[in-house]
Protein backbone atom coordinates (compact mmCIF):
# COMPACT_ATOMS: atom_id res chain seq x y z
CA MET A 1 3.30 -13.64 -105.39
CA ALA A 2 4.12 -15.28 -102.08
CA PHE A 3 2.05 -14.61 -98.99
CA SER A 4 3.27 -14.76 -95.39
CA ALA A 5 1.68 -17.21 -92.98
CA ALA A 6 -0.36 -14.37 -91.44
CA GLU A 7 -1.54 -13.22 -94.86
CA GLN A 8 -2.47 -16.79 -95.81
CA ALA A 9 -4.49 -17.08 -92.60
CA GLN A 10 -6.31 -13.82 -93.37
CA ILE A 11 -7.01 -14.91 -96.94
CA ALA A 12 -8.42 -18.21 -95.69
CA ALA A 13 -10.57 -16.41 -93.10
CA ASP A 14 -11.91 -13.98 -95.71
CA GLU A 15 -12.69 -16.83 -98.12
CA ALA A 16 -14.52 -18.75 -95.38
CA ARG A 17 -16.48 -15.62 -94.36
CA VAL A 18 -17.54 -15.03 -97.96
CA ARG A 19 -18.51 -18.68 -98.48
CA ALA A 20 -20.59 -18.63 -95.31
CA GLY A 21 -22.31 -15.27 -95.62
CA PHE A 22 -22.32 -13.86 -99.14
CA TRP A 23 -25.60 -15.29 -100.44
CA LYS A 24 -27.52 -14.43 -97.29
CA LYS A 25 -26.24 -10.83 -97.42
CA ILE A 26 -26.83 -10.35 -101.16
CA LYS A 27 -30.37 -11.77 -100.92
CA ALA A 28 -31.17 -9.38 -98.07
CA THR A 29 -29.70 -6.32 -99.78
CA VAL A 30 -30.18 -6.80 -103.53
CA ALA A 31 -33.11 -4.38 -103.66
CA HIS A 32 -31.23 -1.71 -101.70
CA ILE A 33 -27.80 -1.57 -103.32
CA PRO A 34 -26.95 -0.27 -106.78
CA PHE A 35 -23.74 -2.31 -106.90
CA ALA A 36 -25.30 -5.79 -106.59
CA GLU A 37 -24.18 -6.87 -110.07
CA ASP A 38 -20.60 -5.79 -109.32
CA ALA A 39 -20.65 -7.67 -106.02
CA LEU A 40 -21.89 -10.79 -107.81
CA ALA A 41 -19.26 -10.47 -110.57
CA ALA A 42 -16.58 -10.10 -107.88
CA TYR A 43 -17.94 -13.23 -106.17
CA TYR A 44 -17.79 -15.29 -109.36
CA CYS A 45 -14.30 -14.03 -110.17
CA ALA A 46 -13.07 -14.74 -106.63
CA PHE A 47 -14.21 -18.36 -106.78
CA ASP A 48 -12.95 -18.99 -110.32
CA ARG A 49 -9.90 -21.24 -110.04
CA GLN A 50 -8.48 -19.58 -113.18
CA THR A 51 -8.26 -16.25 -111.31
CA PRO A 52 -4.79 -15.66 -109.79
CA LEU A 53 -4.62 -16.06 -106.02
CA HIS A 54 -3.63 -12.43 -105.35
CA VAL A 55 -6.74 -11.26 -107.25
CA ARG A 56 -8.96 -13.74 -105.45
CA ALA A 57 -7.51 -12.57 -102.12
CA ALA A 58 -8.30 -8.92 -102.90
CA LEU A 59 -11.86 -9.81 -103.89
CA TRP A 60 -12.41 -12.04 -100.86
CA GLY A 61 -11.26 -9.16 -98.64
CA ALA A 62 -13.65 -6.70 -100.27
CA LEU A 63 -16.55 -9.16 -100.20
CA ALA A 64 -15.82 -10.09 -96.58
CA TYR A 65 -16.05 -6.39 -95.70
CA PHE A 66 -19.41 -6.21 -97.50
CA ILE A 67 -20.88 -9.07 -95.46
CA MET A 68 -19.47 -8.06 -92.07
CA PRO A 69 -22.26 -7.07 -89.67
CA PHE A 70 -20.27 -4.04 -88.52
CA ASP A 71 -18.24 -1.57 -90.51
CA VAL A 72 -17.33 2.12 -90.74
CA ILE A 73 -20.83 3.26 -91.78
CA PRO A 74 -23.56 0.98 -90.37
CA ASP A 75 -25.55 -0.66 -93.18
CA TYR A 76 -28.89 0.06 -91.53
CA LEU A 77 -28.54 3.83 -92.10
CA PRO A 78 -30.78 4.90 -94.99
CA VAL A 79 -29.05 6.12 -98.16
CA ILE A 80 -25.48 6.20 -96.78
CA GLY A 81 -25.38 2.79 -95.09
CA TYR A 82 -23.70 0.97 -97.97
CA THR A 83 -21.44 3.81 -99.11
CA ASP A 84 -18.32 2.37 -97.51
CA ASP A 85 -19.12 -1.12 -98.80
CA ALA A 86 -19.49 0.25 -102.33
CA ALA A 87 -16.22 2.18 -102.04
CA VAL A 88 -14.26 -0.86 -100.86
CA LEU A 89 -15.72 -3.04 -103.60
CA ALA A 90 -15.17 -0.37 -106.28
CA MET A 91 -11.53 -0.01 -105.25
CA ALA A 92 -10.98 -3.78 -105.37
CA LEU A 93 -12.69 -4.05 -108.76
CA ARG A 94 -10.58 -1.22 -110.15
CA LEU A 95 -7.42 -2.99 -109.02
CA VAL A 96 -8.39 -6.32 -110.60
CA ALA A 97 -10.57 -5.17 -113.50
CA ASP A 98 -8.56 -7.13 -116.07
CA HIS A 99 -9.46 -10.35 -114.28
CA ILE A 100 -13.23 -9.85 -114.27
CA GLN A 101 -14.12 -11.92 -117.32
CA PRO A 102 -17.28 -11.71 -119.45
CA GLU A 103 -18.41 -15.06 -118.00
CA HIS A 104 -18.21 -13.56 -114.48
CA ARG A 105 -20.38 -10.64 -115.60
CA GLU A 106 -22.86 -12.96 -117.32
CA ALA A 107 -23.11 -15.21 -114.26
CA ALA A 108 -23.68 -12.09 -112.15
CA ARG A 109 -26.50 -10.90 -114.43
CA ARG A 110 -28.18 -14.33 -114.31
CA ALA A 111 -27.88 -14.50 -110.51
CA LEU A 112 -29.19 -10.95 -110.15
CA LYS A 113 -32.22 -11.79 -112.28
CA ARG A 114 -32.91 -14.91 -110.17
CA LEU A 115 -32.63 -12.87 -106.97
CA GLU A 116 -34.89 -10.12 -108.26
CA ASP A 117 -37.44 -12.64 -109.52
CA ALA A 118 -37.48 -14.36 -106.12
CA ALA A 119 -38.01 -11.08 -104.25
């Protein structure tokens, strides 16, 4: 799959945003979101060089949305604040489910345990 120059720029921006902000966001929200393990599995899949670029791009986009400080439903709203983030991530995971490998899930479980133990 070939990407246009604009798409390549967006993919690079999303990757950079995820690299810069994912761990800070997940550490701050792990206790409040029921989809933390899925977010972590998506992260590990997105940075796995064996994952096809179009899959990585979709995951970087979804994860970049998750870490953005502003979105459709503000994250600071109790109960519903992460609904849109969960929906975007769930849609991305559904599209690329065949590429989420057992090792991504296992790495996500280990990371989640470390985060919960540190909290």
